[in-house]
Amino acid sequence: MLTKKQLQLLEFIHKRLQKDGVPPSFDEMKIALDLRSKSGIHRLITALEERGFIRRLAHRARAIEVIRLPDSLGGLDSGFQPQVIEGGRSEAPSLKPTRDSGATELAVMGRIAAGVPIEAISQASAHVAVPNAMLSSSGQHYALEVRGDSMIDAGINDGDVVVIRETGSADNGDIVVALVEGHEATLKRYFRKGSQIELEAANPAYPTRIYPEGMVQVQGRLVGLIRTY
């Protein structure tokens, strides 16, 4: 049986994985559970792992996979699927799509900067097979290869392939593909504050960038991530 805090943390991680495709940071967990320090989060994470509800993935920063849920959160039949898909390293992480009835081939539209903005690329360079469970039933989806480390604390590493659902709007805190000044694209956490847009990195080495709302166009929201080795 889980304690109240253990259950709260498991539910928070589960919902964040479903929403963003990546687990929350330890700071986000601490704030969500109203704890004073990260050490409390470490103890809860260890307890959940020992009880077989989560698995920490070795040699990766902040990589957590939910492997089962208690009945109060839907149990094993909740339909939850981990949103980090792993595979063997090939010459590129997206070049050879697999033929799978449970997967959809998405166009990899180029590279997206998880750092300073880079020039937007709008032509498909390859295709990648994405599990249908990762895709929403409405809207179009595409994939982008990540370059840079500004989103590393959100579990998004250089070389990952992110799965994006096309949308022109976002809620505060969403990780989005943002087009800046019509020609530079970047992957950042989105916040609207009055008439300004803040594009926030998940790496303290990168400052938050603030733009007038007319200079930033949301082109999609992160829904999943594919990692290769």
Protein backbone atom coordinates (compact mmCIF):
# COMPACT_ATOMS: atom_id res chain seq x y z
CA MET A 1 0.00 0.00 0.00
CA LEU A 2 1.27 3.46 -0.89
CA THR A 3 1.33 6.42 1.44
CA LYS A 4 -0.58 9.56 0.49
CA LYS A 5 2.60 11.35 -0.66
CA GLN A 6 3.81 8.34 -2.64
CA LEU A 7 0.45 8.13 -4.41
CA GLN A 8 0.46 11.87 -5.11
CA LEU A 9 3.93 11.71 -6.61
CA LEU A 10 3.13 8.67 -8.75
CA GLU A 11 0.00 10.38 -10.08
CA PHE A 12 1.95 13.59 -10.80
CA ILE A 13 4.66 11.71 -12.73
CA HIS A 14 2.05 9.64 -14.60
CA LYS A 15 0.05 12.69 -15.69
CA ARG A 16 3.16 14.60 -16.77
CA LEU A 17 4.36 11.67 -18.88
CA GLN A 18 0.97 11.45 -20.54
CA LYS A 19 0.85 15.21 -21.19
CA ASP A 20 4.43 16.04 -22.16
CA GLY A 21 6.08 12.69 -22.88
CA VAL A 22 8.82 13.42 -20.31
CA PRO A 23 8.87 13.16 -16.51
CA PRO A 24 8.81 16.26 -14.29
CA SER A 25 11.99 17.64 -12.76
CA PHE A 26 12.76 17.13 -9.08
CA ASP A 27 12.05 20.82 -8.49
CA GLU A 28 8.62 20.44 -10.10
CA MET A 29 7.93 17.36 -7.98
CA LYS A 30 8.97 19.22 -4.82
CA ILE A 31 6.67 22.13 -5.62
CA ALA A 32 3.75 19.88 -6.61
CA LEU A 33 3.95 17.94 -3.33
CA ASP A 34 4.69 21.04 -1.22
CA LEU A 35 7.93 19.60 0.16
CA ARG A 36 10.79 21.68 1.52
CA SER A 37 13.67 19.82 -0.09
CA LYS A 38 14.55 17.44 -2.90
CA SER A 39 15.68 14.83 -0.39
CA GLY A 40 12.04 14.08 0.36
CA ILE A 41 11.44 13.50 -3.36
CA HIS A 42 14.44 11.15 -3.51
CA ARG A 43 12.97 9.09 -0.65
CA LEU A 44 9.57 8.91 -2.34
CA ILE A 45 11.13 7.95 -5.68
CA THR A 46 13.14 5.20 -3.99
CA ALA A 47 10.04 3.87 -2.23
CA LEU A 48 8.04 3.79 -5.47
CA GLU A 49 10.89 2.01 -7.23
CA GLU A 50 11.23 -0.58 -4.45
CA ARG A 51 7.49 -1.27 -4.66
CA GLY A 52 7.68 -1.80 -8.42
CA PHE A 53 5.65 1.19 -9.57
CA ILE A 54 8.43 3.06 -11.35
CA ARG A 55 11.84 2.35 -12.81
CA ARG A 56 14.75 4.76 -12.94
CA LEU A 57 16.70 4.38 -16.16
CA ALA A 58 20.43 4.17 -15.55
CA HIS A 59 22.99 6.67 -16.82
CA ARG A 60 20.38 9.23 -17.79
CA ALA A 61 19.48 12.47 -16.06
CA ARG A 62 16.00 12.40 -14.54
CA ALA A 63 14.70 9.46 -16.62
CA ILE A 64 11.75 7.74 -14.93
CA GLU A 65 9.35 5.18 -16.37
CA VAL A 66 6.01 4.27 -14.78
CA ILE A 67 5.64 0.48 -15.07
CA ARG A 68 2.42 -0.06 -13.15
CA LEU A 69 -0.34 1.86 -11.39
CA PRO A 70 -2.43 1.10 -8.30
CA ASP A 71 -6.14 0.47 -8.77
CA SER A 72 -6.94 3.97 -7.53
CA LEU A 73 -5.12 5.37 -10.59
CA GLY A 74 -6.55 2.91 -13.07
CA GLY A 75 -4.33 -0.09 -12.42
CA LEU A 76 -2.63 -2.01 -15.18
CA ASP A 77 -5.57 -1.53 -17.54
CA SER A 78 -5.41 2.25 -17.53
CA GLY A 79 -4.11 2.38 -21.08
CA PHE A 80 -0.96 4.18 -19.99
CA GLN A 81 2.06 3.73 -22.22
CA PRO A 82 5.50 5.10 -21.35
CA GLN A 83 6.18 8.02 -23.66
CA VAL A 84 9.93 7.54 -24.04
CA ILE A 85 10.55 5.06 -26.86
CA GLU A 86 14.02 3.57 -27.06
CA GLY A 87 15.88 1.83 -29.83
CA GLY A 88 19.32 0.83 -31.02
CA ARG A 89 21.60 3.49 -32.43
CA SER A 90 21.75 3.58 -36.21
CA GLU A 91 23.43 6.08 -38.49
CA ALA A 92 20.67 8.53 -37.55
CA PRO A 93 17.82 8.20 -35.05
CA SER A 94 15.08 8.39 -37.66
CA LEU A 95 16.20 6.90 -40.95
CA LYS A 96 14.72 3.40 -41.15
CA PRO A 97 11.04 3.23 -40.26
CA THR A 98 9.70 -0.09 -39.02
CA ARG A 99 6.55 -1.66 -40.43
CA ASP A 100 4.24 -2.12 -37.47
CA SER A 101 0.45 -2.21 -37.44
CA GLY A 102 0.54 -0.39 -34.10
CA ALA A 103 2.67 2.46 -35.40
CA THR A 104 2.33 5.44 -37.71
CA GLU A 105 5.12 6.82 -39.88
CA LEU A 106 5.68 10.51 -39.27
CA ALA A 107 7.80 12.86 -41.30
CA VAL A 108 10.94 14.12 -39.57
CA MET A 109 10.80 17.76 -40.55
CA GLY A 110 14.43 18.53 -39.75
CA ARG A 111 16.24 19.62 -36.62
CA ILE A 112 14.96 21.81 -33.81
CA ALA A 113 17.20 23.78 -31.47
CA ALA A 114 17.06 23.00 -27.77
CA GLY A 115 19.42 25.91 -27.21
CA VAL A 116 19.44 29.16 -29.12
CA PRO A 117 16.98 29.31 -32.03
CA ILE A 118 18.08 27.86 -35.37
CA GLU A 119 16.63 28.44 -38.81
CA ALA A 120 13.32 26.61 -39.20
CA ILE A 121 13.32 23.60 -41.49
CA SER A 122 9.99 22.77 -43.13
CA GLN A 123 10.92 19.97 -45.54
CA ALA A 124 10.71 16.33 -44.49
CA SER A 125 14.19 14.75 -44.28
CA ALA A 126 13.20 11.21 -43.23
CA HIS A 127 10.43 9.26 -41.53
CA VAL A 128 10.12 7.63 -38.13
CA ALA A 129 7.67 4.98 -36.87
CA VAL A 130 5.80 6.23 -33.81
CA PRO A 131 3.52 4.05 -31.63
CA ASN A 132 -0.10 5.02 -32.12
CA ALA A 133 -0.54 5.24 -28.34
CA MET A 134 1.70 8.30 -28.41
CA LEU A 135 -0.51 10.15 -30.90
CA SER A 136 -3.74 11.94 -30.11
CA SER A 137 -6.85 11.06 -32.08
CA SER A 138 -7.19 14.59 -33.47
CA GLY A 139 -4.73 16.83 -35.25
CA GLN A 140 -1.65 16.26 -37.38
CA HIS A 141 1.70 15.18 -35.99
CA TYR A 142 5.31 15.46 -37.07
CA ALA A 143 8.75 14.72 -35.64
CA LEU A 144 11.89 16.80 -35.14
CA GLU A 145 15.44 15.84 -34.21
CA VAL A 146 16.71 17.78 -31.19
CA ARG A 147 20.00 19.65 -31.28
CA GLY A 148 21.33 21.22 -28.08
CA ASP A 149 20.98 20.75 -24.34
CA SER A 150 18.75 23.58 -23.11
CA MET A 151 15.86 21.17 -22.33
CA ILE A 152 17.96 18.52 -20.60
CA ASP A 153 16.26 19.04 -17.21
CA ALA A 154 12.96 18.20 -18.92
CA GLY A 155 14.47 14.87 -19.99
CA ILE A 156 15.08 16.00 -23.59
CA ASN A 157 18.63 15.31 -24.74
CA ASP A 158 20.69 16.21 -27.79
CA GLY A 159 19.89 13.67 -30.52
CA ASP A 160 16.42 12.77 -29.26
CA VAL A 161 13.50 12.83 -31.69
CA VAL A 162 10.48 14.72 -30.36
CA VAL A 163 6.94 14.03 -31.52
CA ILE A 164 4.89 17.19 -32.00
CA ARG A 165 1.14 17.67 -32.42
CA GLU A 166 0.40 20.62 -34.69
CA THR A 167 -1.39 23.45 -32.89
CA GLY A 168 -1.29 27.20 -32.95
CA SER A 169 -2.01 27.65 -29.25
CA ALA A 170 -0.51 26.50 -25.97
CA ASP A 171 -1.14 26.65 -22.23
CA ASN A 172 1.38 28.09 -19.83
CA GLY A 173 4.00 25.46 -19.04
CA ASP A 174 3.58 23.49 -22.28
CA ILE A 175 6.73 22.49 -24.15
CA VAL A 176 6.25 23.84 -27.67
CA VAL A 177 7.87 24.39 -31.01
CA ALA A 178 8.00 28.17 -31.22
CA LEU A 179 8.73 30.09 -34.40
CA VAL A 180 10.51 33.35 -33.54
CA GLU A 181 10.33 36.30 -35.93
CA GLY A 182 9.03 34.02 -38.67
CA HIS A 183 12.24 32.14 -39.39
CA GLU A 184 13.87 30.72 -36.25
CA ALA A 185 12.46 27.67 -34.50
CA THR A 186 13.19 26.52 -30.97
CA LEU A 187 11.88 23.97 -28.47
CA LYS A 188 11.07 25.63 -25.15
CA ARG A 189 8.55 25.79 -22.33
CA TYR A 190 5.90 28.42 -23.14
CA PHE A 191 4.50 31.12 -20.86
CA ARG A 192 2.25 34.05 -21.77
CA LYS A 193 2.45 37.04 -19.44
CA GLY A 194 0.27 39.90 -20.58
CA SER A 195 1.39 40.94 -24.04
CA GLN A 196 4.70 39.11 -23.79
CA ILE A 197 5.76 35.54 -24.46
CA GLU A 198 8.44 33.86 -22.37
CA LEU A 199 10.34 30.92 -23.83
CA GLU A 200 11.93 29.14 -20.89
CA ALA A 201 14.76 26.63 -21.10
CA ALA A 202 15.06 23.60 -18.80
CA ASN A 203 18.74 24.21 -18.17
CA PRO A 204 19.99 26.96 -15.86
CA ALA A 205 22.79 27.75 -18.32
CA TYR A 206 20.25 29.28 -20.72
CA PRO A 207 18.31 32.45 -19.86
CA THR A 208 14.59 32.78 -20.39
CA ARG A 209 13.93 34.70 -23.62
CA ILE A 210 11.14 37.26 -23.65
CA TYR A 211 9.43 38.49 -26.82
CA PRO A 212 6.42 40.64 -27.75
CA GLU A 213 3.56 38.26 -28.52
CA GLY A 214 3.58 39.21 -32.21
CA MET A 215 7.11 37.84 -32.62
CA VAL A 216 6.33 34.28 -31.47
CA GLN A 217 4.14 31.75 -33.24
CA VAL A 218 3.37 28.37 -31.67
CA GLN A 219 3.66 25.61 -34.26
CA GLY A 220 3.07 22.55 -32.12
CA ARG A 221 3.12 20.99 -28.67
CA LEU A 222 5.33 18.15 -27.47
CA VAL A 223 3.45 14.85 -27.04
CA GLY A 224 6.25 12.26 -27.07
CA LEU A 225 9.92 11.51 -27.34
CA ILE A 226 11.98 8.82 -29.05
CA ARG A 227 15.49 8.09 -27.80
CA THR A 228 18.18 6.00 -29.48
CA TYR A 229 21.61 4.79 -28.37
